Amino acid sequence: MVVRIYQLKDRQTFDRLVYQQLLEEGDILLAADLLASRDVVIGPGGDASLNMPLEAEATFVAVVGLFRHPDTQRNTWKQVLAREELDPDKPRIFTAEHNQLRLRPEAAK
């Protein structure tokens, strides 16, 4: 499965897009806010780390799980994190299973 990571200046456009739009033309539709994107391939029940340099202008990181059968009712195929929720020394981990993308809780500080 592919997990797509977007670094964004603003999240409003991302929040309005549906699964099929992001799958087929996400980079084009997000162009005004998109600073960087990256695809990570993970195995079934695997996880992905948000371990990439954050662009200076990025205020949000959006993560999309490109599932075969995404839950488009509950939108469990995507997550958005504000810059303040990220620590450059502690990459956040996402798990992908049962057509859901979940953020693993941060370890206690």
PDB file of N, CA and C in Angstrom:
ATOM      1  N   MET A   1       0.832  -1.173   0.000  1.00  0.00           N
ATOM      2  CA  MET A   1       0.000   0.000   0.000  1.00  0.00           C
ATOM      3  C   MET A   1       0.883   1.244   0.000  1.00  0.00           C
ATOM      4  N   VAL A   2       0.372   2.315  -0.563  1.00  0.00           N
ATOM      5  CA  VAL A   2       1.116   3.573  -0.626  1.00  0.00           C
ATOM      6  C   VAL A   2       0.521   4.569   0.368  1.00  0.00           C
ATOM      7  N   VAL A   3       1.397   5.227   1.103  1.00  0.00           N
ATOM      8  CA  VAL A   3       1.013   6.343   1.973  1.00  0.00           C
ATOM      9  C   VAL A   3       1.641   7.584   1.355  1.00  0.00           C
ATOM     10  N   ARG A   4       0.818   8.581   1.081  1.00  0.00           N
ATOM     11  CA  ARG A   4       1.297   9.821   0.464  1.00  0.00           C
ATOM     12  C   ARG A   4       1.332  10.918   1.527  1.00  0.00           C
ATOM     13  N   ILE A   5       2.469  11.585   1.615  1.00  0.00           N
ATOM     14  CA  ILE A   5       2.675  12.640   2.608  1.00  0.00           C
ATOM     15  C   ILE A   5       2.791  13.979   1.881  1.00  0.00           C
ATOM     16  N   TYR A   6       1.975  14.935   2.308  1.00  0.00           N
ATOM     17  CA  TYR A   6       1.985  16.281   1.721  1.00  0.00           C
ATOM     18  C   TYR A   6       2.400  17.292   2.785  1.00  0.00           C
ATOM     19  N   GLN A   7       3.300  18.206   2.436  1.00  0.00           N
ATOM     20  CA  GLN A   7       3.594  19.356   3.281  1.00  0.00           C
ATOM     21  C   GLN A   7       2.858  20.543   2.666  1.00  0.00           C
ATOM     22  N   LEU A   8       2.026  21.191   3.488  1.00  0.00           N
ATOM     23  CA  LEU A   8       1.134  22.231   2.972  1.00  0.00           C
ATOM     24  C   LEU A   8       1.289  23.561   3.709  1.00  0.00           C
ATOM     25  N   LYS A   9       1.078  24.645   2.978  1.00  0.00           N
ATOM     26  CA  LYS A   9       1.021  25.979   3.590  1.00  0.00           C
ATOM     27  C   LYS A   9      -0.318  26.179   4.286  1.00  0.00           C
ATOM     28  N   ASP A  10      -1.370  25.598   3.712  1.00  0.00           N
ATOM     29  CA  ASP A  10      -2.730  25.739   4.241  1.00  0.00           C
ATOM     30  C   ASP A  10      -3.463  24.420   3.995  1.00  0.00           C
ATOM     31  N   ARG A  11      -4.451  24.101   4.813  1.00  0.00           N
ATOM     32  CA  ARG A  11      -5.134  22.819   4.677  1.00  0.00           C
ATOM     33  C   ARG A  11      -6.537  22.910   4.088  1.00  0.00           C
ATOM     34  N   GLN A  12      -7.045  24.096   3.827  1.00  0.00           N
ATOM     35  CA  GLN A  12      -8.437  24.246   3.391  1.00  0.00           C
ATOM     36  C   GLN A  12      -8.750  23.469   2.117  1.00  0.00           C
ATOM     37  N   THR A  13      -7.921  23.572   1.113  1.00  0.00           N
ATOM     38  CA  THR A  13      -8.167  22.833  -0.132  1.00  0.00           C
ATOM     39  C   THR A  13      -8.096  21.336   0.127  1.00  0.00           C
ATOM     40  N   PHE A  14      -7.095  20.894   0.869  1.00  0.00           N
ATOM     41  CA  PHE A  14      -6.961  19.470   1.189  1.00  0.00           C
ATOM     42  C   PHE A  14      -8.224  18.944   1.862  1.00  0.00           C
ATOM     43  N   ASP A  15      -8.745  19.688   2.819  1.00  0.00           N
ATOM     44  CA  ASP A  15      -9.933  19.252   3.557  1.00  0.00           C
ATOM     45  C   ASP A  15     -11.157  19.094   2.657  1.00  0.00           C
ATOM     46  N   ARG A  16     -11.223  19.846   1.576  1.00  0.00           N
ATOM     47  CA  ARG A  16     -12.375  19.782   0.659  1.00  0.00           C
ATOM     48  C   ARG A  16     -12.278  18.646  -0.355  1.00  0.00           C
ATOM     49  N   LEU A  17     -11.085  18.153  -0.601  1.00  0.00           N
ATOM     50  CA  LEU A  17     -10.903  17.130  -1.631  1.00  0.00           C
ATOM     51  C   LEU A  17     -11.356  15.754  -1.145  1.00  0.00           C
ATOM     52  N   VAL A  18     -11.907  14.987  -2.065  1.00  0.00           N
ATOM     53  CA  VAL A  18     -12.328  13.620  -1.753  1.00  0.00           C
ATOM     54  C   VAL A  18     -11.223  12.654  -2.180  1.00  0.00           C
ATOM     55  N   TYR A  19     -11.354  11.424  -1.746  1.00  0.00           N
ATOM     56  CA  TYR A  19     -10.341  10.397  -1.983  1.00  0.00           C
ATOM     57  C   TYR A  19      -9.923  10.314  -3.454  1.00  0.00           C
ATOM     58  N   GLN A  20     -10.881  10.182  -4.345  1.00  0.00           N
ATOM     59  CA  GLN A  20     -10.583   9.995  -5.766  1.00  0.00           C
ATOM     60  C   GLN A  20      -9.791  11.171  -6.343  1.00  0.00           C
ATOM     61  N   GLN A  21     -10.099  12.385  -5.893  1.00  0.00           N
ATOM     62  CA  GLN A  21      -9.368  13.562  -6.371  1.00  0.00           C
ATOM     63  C   GLN A  21      -7.905  13.514  -5.942  1.00  0.00           C
ATOM     64  N   LEU A  22      -7.663  13.154  -4.673  1.00  0.00           N
ATOM     65  CA  LEU A  22      -6.286  13.081  -4.188  1.00  0.00           C
ATOM     66  C   LEU A  22      -5.534  11.935  -4.851  1.00  0.00           C
ATOM     67  N   LEU A  23      -6.208  10.838  -5.090  1.00  0.00           N
ATOM     68  CA  LEU A  23      -5.583   9.686  -5.731  1.00  0.00           C
ATOM     69  C   LEU A  23      -5.126  10.029  -7.147  1.00  0.00           C
ATOM     70  N   GLU A  24      -5.988  10.672  -7.904  1.00  0.00           N
ATOM     71  CA  GLU A  24      -5.723  10.893  -9.323  1.00  0.00           C
ATOM     72  C   GLU A  24      -4.950  12.172  -9.642  1.00  0.00           C
ATOM     73  N   GLU A  25      -5.197  13.252  -8.900  1.00  0.00           N
ATOM     74  CA  GLU A  25      -4.537  14.517  -9.241  1.00  0.00           C
ATOM     75  C   GLU A  25      -4.267  15.391  -8.028  1.00  0.00           C
ATOM     76  N   GLY A  26      -3.874  14.767  -6.927  1.00  0.00           N
ATOM     77  CA  GLY A  26      -3.611  15.505  -5.696  1.00  0.00           C
ATOM     78  C   GLY A  26      -2.599  16.626  -5.838  1.00  0.00           C
ATOM     79  N   ASP A  27      -1.454  16.338  -6.461  1.00  0.00           N
ATOM     80  CA  ASP A  27      -0.413  17.363  -6.602  1.00  0.00           C
ATOM     81  C   ASP A  27      -0.905  18.563  -7.412  1.00  0.00           C
ATOM     82  N   ILE A  28      -1.716  18.312  -8.413  1.00  0.00           N
ATOM     83  CA  ILE A  28      -2.237  19.401  -9.254  1.00  0.00           C
ATOM     84  C   ILE A  28      -3.249  20.237  -8.476  1.00  0.00           C
ATOM     85  N   LEU A  29      -4.195  19.566  -7.805  1.00  0.00           N
ATOM     86  CA  LEU A  29      -5.247  20.282  -7.081  1.00  0.00           C
ATOM     87  C   LEU A  29      -4.718  21.016  -5.853  1.00  0.00           C
ATOM     88  N   LEU A  30      -3.628  20.530  -5.287  1.00  0.00           N
ATOM     89  CA  LEU A  30      -3.037  21.157  -4.100  1.00  0.00           C
ATOM     90  C   LEU A  30      -1.897  22.119  -4.446  1.00  0.00           C
ATOM     91  N   ALA A  31      -1.639  22.338  -5.719  1.00  0.00           N
ATOM     92  CA  ALA A  31      -0.455  23.088  -6.168  1.00  0.00           C
ATOM     93  C   ALA A  31      -0.253  24.425  -5.456  1.00  0.00           C
ATOM     94  N   ALA A  32      -1.316  25.168  -5.186  1.00  0.00           N
ATOM     95  CA  ALA A  32      -1.176  26.490  -4.561  1.00  0.00           C
ATOM     96  C   ALA A  32      -0.635  26.403  -3.133  1.00  0.00           C
ATOM     97  N   ASP A  33      -0.895  25.292  -2.447  1.00  0.00           N
ATOM     98  CA  ASP A  33      -0.471  25.134  -1.053  1.00  0.00           C
ATOM     99  C   ASP A  33       0.641  24.110  -0.870  1.00  0.00           C
ATOM    100  N   LEU A  34       0.939  23.338  -1.897  1.00  0.00           N
ATOM    101  CA  LEU A  34       1.868  22.218  -1.784  1.00  0.00           C
ATOM    102  C   LEU A  34       3.322  22.674  -1.797  1.00  0.00           C
ATOM    103  N   LEU A  35       4.062  22.258  -0.772  1.00  0.00           N
ATOM    104  CA  LEU A  35       5.486  22.571  -0.680  1.00  0.00           C
ATOM    105  C   LEU A  35       6.346  21.357  -0.995  1.00  0.00           C
ATOM    106  N   ALA A  36       5.863  20.172  -0.622  1.00  0.00           N
ATOM    107  CA  ALA A  36       6.597  18.928  -0.881  1.00  0.00           C
ATOM    108  C   ALA A  36       5.627  17.766  -0.747  1.00  0.00           C
ATOM    109  N   SER A  37       5.929  16.685  -1.453  1.00  0.00           N
ATOM    110  CA  SER A  37       5.141  15.462  -1.294  1.00  0.00           C
ATOM    111  C   SER A  37       6.066  14.269  -1.455  1.00  0.00           C
ATOM    112  N   ARG A  38       5.657  13.169  -0.863  1.00  0.00           N
ATOM    113  CA  ARG A  38       6.468  11.956  -0.913  1.00  0.00           C
ATOM    114  C   ARG A  38       5.561  10.757  -0.758  1.00  0.00           C
ATOM    115  N   ASP A  39       5.836   9.700  -1.490  1.00  0.00           N
ATOM    116  CA  ASP A  39       5.112   8.445  -1.354  1.00  0.00           C
ATOM    117  C   ASP A  39       5.982   7.448  -0.609  1.00  0.00           C
ATOM    118  N   VAL A  40       5.361   6.714   0.318  1.00  0.00           N
ATOM    119  CA  VAL A  40       6.040   5.674   1.072  1.00  0.00           C
ATOM    120  C   VAL A  40       5.237   4.393   0.889  1.00  0.00           C
ATOM    121  N   VAL A  41       5.900   3.303   0.536  1.00  0.00           N
ATOM    122  CA  VAL A  41       5.225   2.018   0.361  1.00  0.00           C
ATOM    123  C   VAL A  41       5.380   1.209   1.644  1.00  0.00           C
ATOM    124  N   ILE A  42       4.248   0.690   2.141  1.00  0.00           N
ATOM    125  CA  ILE A  42       4.288  -0.147   3.342  1.00  0.00           C
ATOM    126  C   ILE A  42       3.511  -1.433   3.091  1.00  0.00           C
ATOM    127  N   GLY A  43       3.866  -2.466   3.808  1.00  0.00           N
ATOM    128  CA  GLY A  43       3.186  -3.749   3.684  1.00  0.00           C
ATOM    129  C   GLY A  43       1.915  -3.778   4.508  1.00  0.00           C
ATOM    130  N   PRO A  44       1.094  -4.819   4.330  1.00  0.00           N
ATOM    131  CA  PRO A  44      -0.155  -4.953   5.094  1.00  0.00           C
ATOM    132  C   PRO A  44       0.107  -4.912   6.601  1.00  0.00           C
ATOM    133  N   GLY A  45      -0.654  -4.081   7.299  1.00  0.00           N
ATOM    134  CA  GLY A  45      -0.489  -3.952   8.742  1.00  0.00           C
ATOM    135  C   GLY A  45       0.793  -3.247   9.133  1.00  0.00           C
ATOM    136  N   GLY A  46       1.483  -2.662   8.160  1.00  0.00           N
ATOM    137  CA  GLY A  46       2.756  -2.001   8.421  1.00  0.00           C
ATOM    138  C   GLY A  46       2.580  -0.574   8.897  1.00  0.00           C
ATOM    139  N   ASP A  47       3.698   0.127   8.982  1.00  0.00           N
ATOM    140  CA  ASP A  47       3.629   1.523   9.403  1.00  0.00           C
ATOM    141  C   ASP A  47       4.564   2.378   8.562  1.00  0.00           C
ATOM    142  N   ALA A  48       4.357   3.686   8.657  1.00  0.00           N
ATOM    143  CA  ALA A  48       5.172   4.665   7.931  1.00  0.00           C
ATOM    144  C   ALA A  48       5.581   5.763   8.896  1.00  0.00           C
ATOM    145  N   SER A  49       6.800   6.214   8.760  1.00  0.00           N
ATOM    146  CA  SER A  49       7.325   7.264   9.625  1.00  0.00           C
ATOM    147  C   SER A  49       7.301   8.603   8.903  1.00  0.00           C
ATOM    148  N   LEU A  50       6.901   9.640   9.635  1.00  0.00           N
ATOM    149  CA  LEU A  50       6.959  11.010   9.102  1.00  0.00           C
ATOM    150  C   LEU A  50       8.360  11.544   9.361  1.00  0.00           C
ATOM    151  N   ASN A  51       9.324  10.957   8.704  1.00  0.00           N
ATOM    152  CA  ASN A  51      10.712  11.305   8.929  1.00  0.00           C
ATOM    153  C   ASN A  51      11.269  11.960   7.673  1.00  0.00           C
ATOM    154  N   MET A  52      10.904  13.227   7.481  1.00  0.00           N
ATOM    155  CA  MET A  52      11.410  13.991   6.346  1.00  0.00           C
ATOM    156  C   MET A  52      11.561  15.439   6.780  1.00  0.00           C
ATOM    157  N   PRO A  53      12.526  16.151   6.218  1.00  0.00           N
ATOM    158  CA  PRO A  53      12.708  17.552   6.601  1.00  0.00           C
ATOM    159  C   PRO A  53      11.444  18.359   6.316  1.00  0.00           C
ATOM    160  N   LEU A  54      11.074  19.191   7.262  1.00  0.00           N
ATOM    161  CA  LEU A  54       9.881  20.020   7.114  1.00  0.00           C
ATOM    162  C   LEU A  54      10.264  21.340   6.443  1.00  0.00           C
ATOM    163  N   GLU A  55       9.560  21.662   5.365  1.00  0.00           N
ATOM    164  CA  GLU A  55       9.801  22.924   4.658  1.00  0.00           C
ATOM    165  C   GLU A  55       9.499  24.097   5.593  1.00  0.00           C
ATOM    166  N   ALA A  56      10.244  25.188   5.458  1.00  0.00           N
ATOM    167  CA  ALA A  56      10.100  26.349   6.341  1.00  0.00           C
ATOM    168  C   ALA A  56       8.686  26.918   6.349  1.00  0.00           C
ATOM    169  N   GLU A  57       8.008  26.928   5.203  1.00  0.00           N
ATOM    170  CA  GLU A  57       6.667  27.506   5.100  1.00  0.00           C
ATOM    171  C   GLU A  57       5.546  26.527   5.451  1.00  0.00           C
ATOM    172  N   ALA A  58       5.884  25.276   5.694  1.00  0.00           N
ATOM    173  CA  ALA A  58       4.846  24.268   5.959  1.00  0.00           C
ATOM    174  C   ALA A  58       4.177  24.516   7.309  1.00  0.00           C
ATOM    175  N   THR A  59       2.862  24.597   7.298  1.00  0.00           N
ATOM    176  CA  THR A  59       2.109  24.731   8.548  1.00  0.00           C
ATOM    177  C   THR A  59       1.311  23.469   8.847  1.00  0.00           C
ATOM    178  N   PHE A  60       1.156  22.594   7.839  1.00  0.00           N
ATOM    179  CA  PHE A  60       0.440  21.332   8.024  1.00  0.00           C
ATOM    180  C   PHE A  60       1.129  20.210   7.261  1.00  0.00           C
ATOM    181  N   VAL A  61       1.018  19.010   7.806  1.00  0.00           N
ATOM    182  CA  VAL A  61       1.436  17.802   7.102  1.00  0.00           C
ATOM    183  C   VAL A  61       0.196  16.928   6.986  1.00  0.00           C
ATOM    184  N   ALA A  62      -0.163  16.602   5.756  1.00  0.00           N
ATOM    185  CA  ALA A  62      -1.329  15.756   5.493  1.00  0.00           C
ATOM    186  C   ALA A  62      -0.831  14.395   5.032  1.00  0.00           C
ATOM    187  N   VAL A  63      -1.460  13.344   5.540  1.00  0.00           N
ATOM    188  CA  VAL A  63      -1.066  11.982   5.203  1.00  0.00           C
ATOM    189  C   VAL A  63      -2.285  11.252   4.657  1.00  0.00           C
ATOM    190  N   VAL A  64      -2.108  10.597   3.514  1.00  0.00           N
ATOM    191  CA  VAL A  64      -3.201   9.905   2.837  1.00  0.00           C
ATOM    192  C   VAL A  64      -2.818   8.443   2.639  1.00  0.00           C
ATOM    193  N   GLY A  65      -3.687   7.544   3.076  1.00  0.00           N
ATOM    194  CA  GLY A  65      -3.501   6.119   2.819  1.00  0.00           C
ATOM    195  C   GLY A  65      -4.253   5.753   1.551  1.00  0.00           C
ATOM    196  N   LEU A  66      -3.545   5.300   0.534  1.00  0.00           N
ATOM    197  CA  LEU A  66      -4.178   4.969  -0.744  1.00  0.00           C
ATOM    198  C   LEU A  66      -4.659   3.512  -0.714  1.00  0.00           C
ATOM    199  N   PHE A  67      -5.725   3.302   0.033  1.00  0.00           N
ATOM    200  CA  PHE A  67      -6.305   1.970   0.214  1.00  0.00           C
ATOM    201  C   PHE A  67      -7.108   1.545  -1.007  1.00  0.00           C
ATOM    202  N   ARG A  68      -7.222   0.239  -1.196  1.00  0.00           N
ATOM    203  CA  ARG A  68      -8.074  -0.284  -2.265  1.00  0.00           C
ATOM    204  C   ARG A  68      -9.539   0.018  -1.994  1.00  0.00           C
ATOM    205  N   HIS A  69      -9.930  -0.071  -0.727  1.00  0.00           N
ATOM    206  CA  HIS A  69     -11.318   0.180  -0.324  1.00  0.00           C
ATOM    207  C   HIS A  69     -11.333   1.162   0.848  1.00  0.00           C
ATOM    208  N   PRO A  70     -11.092   2.452   0.597  1.00  0.00           N
ATOM    209  CA  PRO A  70     -11.053   3.431   1.692  1.00  0.00           C
ATOM    210  C   PRO A  70     -12.438   3.651   2.297  1.00  0.00           C
ATOM    211  N   ASP A  71     -12.462   3.981   3.576  1.00  0.00           N
ATOM    212  CA  ASP A  71     -13.720   4.331   4.251  1.00  0.00           C
ATOM    213  C   ASP A  71     -13.973   5.814   3.981  1.00  0.00           C
ATOM    214  N   THR A  72     -14.741   6.089   2.942  1.00  0.00           N
ATOM    215  CA  THR A  72     -14.987   7.475   2.550  1.00  0.00           C
ATOM    216  C   THR A  72     -16.112   8.120   3.352  1.00  0.00           C
ATOM    217  N   GLN A  73     -16.785   7.343   4.185  1.00  0.00           N
ATOM    218  CA  GLN A  73     -17.818   7.912   5.056  1.00  0.00           C
ATOM    219  C   GLN A  73     -17.177   8.551   6.287  1.00  0.00           C
ATOM    220  N   ARG A  74     -16.256   7.831   6.903  1.00  0.00           N
ATOM    221  CA  ARG A  74     -15.594   8.334   8.114  1.00  0.00           C
ATOM    222  C   ARG A  74     -14.249   8.992   7.812  1.00  0.00           C
ATOM    223  N   ASN A  75     -13.815   8.919   6.559  1.00  0.00           N
ATOM    224  CA  ASN A  75     -12.539   9.515   6.131  1.00  0.00           C
ATOM    225  C   ASN A  75     -11.347   9.059   6.965  1.00  0.00           C
ATOM    226  N   THR A  76     -11.314   7.768   7.293  1.00  0.00           N
ATOM    227  CA  THR A  76     -10.203   7.223   8.067  1.00  0.00           C
ATOM    228  C   THR A  76      -8.967   6.972   7.208  1.00  0.00           C
ATOM    229  N   TRP A  77      -9.028   7.346   5.952  1.00  0.00           N
ATOM    230  CA  TRP A  77      -7.916   7.162   5.019  1.00  0.00           C
ATOM    231  C   TRP A  77      -6.967   8.365   5.016  1.00  0.00           C
ATOM    232  N   LYS A  78      -7.289   9.419   5.801  1.00  0.00           N
ATOM    233  CA  LYS A  78      -6.418  10.599   5.818  1.00  0.00           C
ATOM    234  C   LYS A  78      -6.291  11.163   7.227  1.00  0.00           C
ATOM    235  N   GLN A  79      -5.183  11.869   7.443  1.00  0.00           N
ATOM    236  CA  GLN A  79      -4.903  12.546   8.712  1.00  0.00           C
ATOM    237  C   GLN A  79      -4.183  13.852   8.387  1.00  0.00           C
ATOM    238  N   VAL A  80      -4.380  14.851   9.243  1.00  0.00           N
ATOM    239  CA  VAL A  80      -3.660  16.124   9.091  1.00  0.00           C
ATOM    240  C   VAL A  80      -3.065  16.497  10.443  1.00  0.00           C
ATOM    241  N   LEU A  81      -1.805  16.885  10.423  1.00  0.00           N
ATOM    242  CA  LEU A  81      -1.121  17.344  11.630  1.00  0.00           C
ATOM    243  C   LEU A  81      -0.659  18.780  11.429  1.00  0.00           C
ATOM    244  N   ALA A  82      -0.853  19.596  12.457  1.00  0.00           N
ATOM    245  CA  ALA A  82      -0.324  20.963  12.438  1.00  0.00           C
ATOM    246  C   ALA A  82       1.168  20.902  12.754  1.00  0.00           C
ATOM    247  N   ARG A  83       1.898  21.872  12.277  1.00  0.00           N
ATOM    248  CA  ARG A  83       3.349  21.918  12.503  1.00  0.00           C
ATOM    249  C   ARG A  83       3.689  21.776  13.993  1.00  0.00           C
ATOM    250  N   GLU A  84       2.877  22.394  14.849  1.00  0.00           N
ATOM    251  CA  GLU A  84       3.132  22.365  16.294  1.00  0.00           C
ATOM    252  C   GLU A  84       3.048  20.950  16.880  1.00  0.00           C
ATOM    253  N   GLU A  85       2.378  20.050  16.190  1.00  0.00           N
ATOM    254  CA  GLU A  85       2.228  18.673  16.671  1.00  0.00           C
ATOM    255  C   GLU A  85       3.425  17.796  16.316  1.00  0.00           C
ATOM    256  N   LEU A  86       4.387  18.357  15.606  1.00  0.00           N
ATOM    257  CA  LEU A  86       5.539  17.586  15.143  1.00  0.00           C
ATOM    258  C   LEU A  86       6.804  18.005  15.869  1.00  0.00           C
ATOM    259  N   ASP A  87       7.622  17.019  16.199  1.00  0.00           N
ATOM    260  CA  ASP A  87       8.910  17.243  16.841  1.00  0.00           C
ATOM    261  C   ASP A  87       9.977  16.705  15.888  1.00  0.00           C
ATOM    262  N   PRO A  88      10.896  17.555  15.420  1.00  0.00           N
ATOM    263  CA  PRO A  88      11.886  17.088  14.445  1.00  0.00           C
ATOM    264  C   PRO A  88      12.774  15.956  14.966  1.00  0.00           C
ATOM    265  N   ASP A  89      12.869  15.817  16.281  1.00  0.00           N
ATOM    266  CA  ASP A  89      13.700  14.764  16.857  1.00  0.00           C
ATOM    267  C   ASP A  89      12.939  13.467  17.109  1.00  0.00           C
ATOM    268  N   LYS A  90      11.613  13.493  16.930  1.00  0.00           N
ATOM    269  CA  LYS A  90      10.788  12.306  17.182  1.00  0.00           C
ATOM    270  C   LYS A  90       9.778  12.140  16.049  1.00  0.00           C
ATOM    271  N   PRO A  91      10.158  11.425  14.992  1.00  0.00           N
ATOM    272  CA  PRO A  91       9.229  11.240  13.873  1.00  0.00           C
ATOM    273  C   PRO A  91       7.937  10.562  14.325  1.00  0.00           C
ATOM    274  N   ARG A  92       6.800  11.029  13.818  1.00  0.00           N
ATOM    275  CA  ARG A  92       5.506  10.418  14.122  1.00  0.00           C
ATOM    276  C   ARG A  92       5.313   9.200  13.227  1.00  0.00           C
ATOM    277  N   ILE A  93       4.632   8.199  13.751  1.00  0.00           N
ATOM    278  CA  ILE A  93       4.420   6.942  13.042  1.00  0.00           C
ATOM    279  C   ILE A  93       2.933   6.761  12.742  1.00  0.00           C
ATOM    280  N   PHE A  94       2.639   6.385  11.500  1.00  0.00           N
ATOM    281  CA  PHE A  94       1.280   6.059  11.087  1.00  0.00           C
ATOM    282  C   PHE A  94       1.198   4.574  10.814  1.00  0.00           C
ATOM    283  N   THR A  95       0.098   3.958  11.228  1.00  0.00           N
ATOM    284  CA  THR A  95      -0.159   2.569  10.882  1.00  0.00           C
ATOM    285  C   THR A  95      -1.307   2.527   9.888  1.00  0.00           C
ATOM    286  N   ALA A  96      -1.283   1.524   9.043  1.00  0.00           N
ATOM    287  CA  ALA A  96      -2.325   1.368   8.026  1.00  0.00           C
ATOM    288  C   ALA A  96      -2.835  -0.067   8.075  1.00  0.00           C
ATOM    289  N   GLU A  97      -4.074  -0.207   8.545  1.00  0.00           N
ATOM    290  CA  GLU A  97      -4.686  -1.531   8.574  1.00  0.00           C
ATOM    291  C   GLU A  97      -6.198  -1.394   8.602  1.00  0.00           C
ATOM    292  N   HIS A  98      -6.861  -2.396   8.071  1.00  0.00           N
ATOM    293  CA  HIS A  98      -8.331  -2.406   8.013  1.00  0.00           C
ATOM    294  C   HIS A  98      -8.867  -1.136   7.353  1.00  0.00           C
ATOM    295  N   ASN A  99      -8.207  -0.704   6.288  1.00  0.00           N
ATOM    296  CA  ASN A  99      -8.617   0.484   5.526  1.00  0.00           C
ATOM    297  C   ASN A  99      -8.656   1.756   6.362  1.00  0.00           C
ATOM    298  N   GLN A 100      -7.811   1.802   7.391  1.00  0.00           N
ATOM    299  CA  GLN A 100      -7.735   2.985   8.250  1.00  0.00           C
ATOM    300  C   GLN A 100      -6.284   3.418   8.408  1.00  0.00           C
ATOM    301  N   LEU A 101      -6.091   4.708   8.414  1.00  0.00           N
ATOM    302  CA  LEU A 101      -4.786   5.296   8.676  1.00  0.00           C
ATOM    303  C   LEU A 101      -4.847   5.860  10.086  1.00  0.00           C
ATOM    304  N   ARG A 102      -3.965   5.389  10.949  1.00  0.00           N
ATOM    305  CA  ARG A 102      -3.991   5.838  12.351  1.00  0.00           C
ATOM    306  C   ARG A 102      -2.636   6.384  12.762  1.00  0.00           C
ATOM    307  N   LEU A 103      -2.694   7.435  13.543  1.00  0.00           N
ATOM    308  CA  LEU A 103      -1.494   8.032  14.103  1.00  0.00           C
ATOM    309  C   LEU A 103      -1.183   7.313  15.405  1.00  0.00           C
ATOM    310  N   ARG A 104       0.012   6.759  15.486  1.00  0.00           N
ATOM    311  CA  ARG A 104       0.421   6.080  16.716  1.00  0.00           C
ATOM    312  C   ARG A 104       0.659   7.149  17.782  1.00  0.00           C
ATOM    313  N   PRO A 105       0.171   6.928  19.005  1.00  0.00           N
ATOM    314  CA  PRO A 105       0.372   7.930  20.068  1.00  0.00           C
ATOM    315  C   PRO A 105       1.861   8.192  20.291  1.00  0.00           C
ATOM    316  N   GLU A 106       2.157   9.438  20.631  1.00  0.00           N
ATOM    317  CA  GLU A 106       3.539   9.804  20.934  1.00  0.00           C
ATOM    318  C   GLU A 106       3.973   9.105  22.205  1.00  0.00           C
ATOM    319  N   ALA A 107       5.243   8.748  22.265  1.00  0.00           N
ATOM    320  CA  ALA A 107       5.791   8.188  23.493  1.00  0.00           C
ATOM    321  C   ALA A 107       5.834   9.288  24.547  1.00  0.00           C
ATOM    322  N   ALA A 108       5.708   8.906  25.800  1.00  0.00           N
ATOM    323  CA  ALA A 108       5.743   9.890  26.892  1.00  0.00           C
ATOM    324  C   ALA A 108       7.073  10.626  26.882  1.00  0.00           C
ATOM    325  N   LYS A 109       7.004  11.920  27.166  1.00  0.00           N
ATOM    326  CA  LYS A 109       8.225  12.749  27.159  1.00  0.00           C
ATOM    327  C   LYS A 109       8.895  12.732  28.506  1.00  0.00           C
TER     328      LYS A 109
END
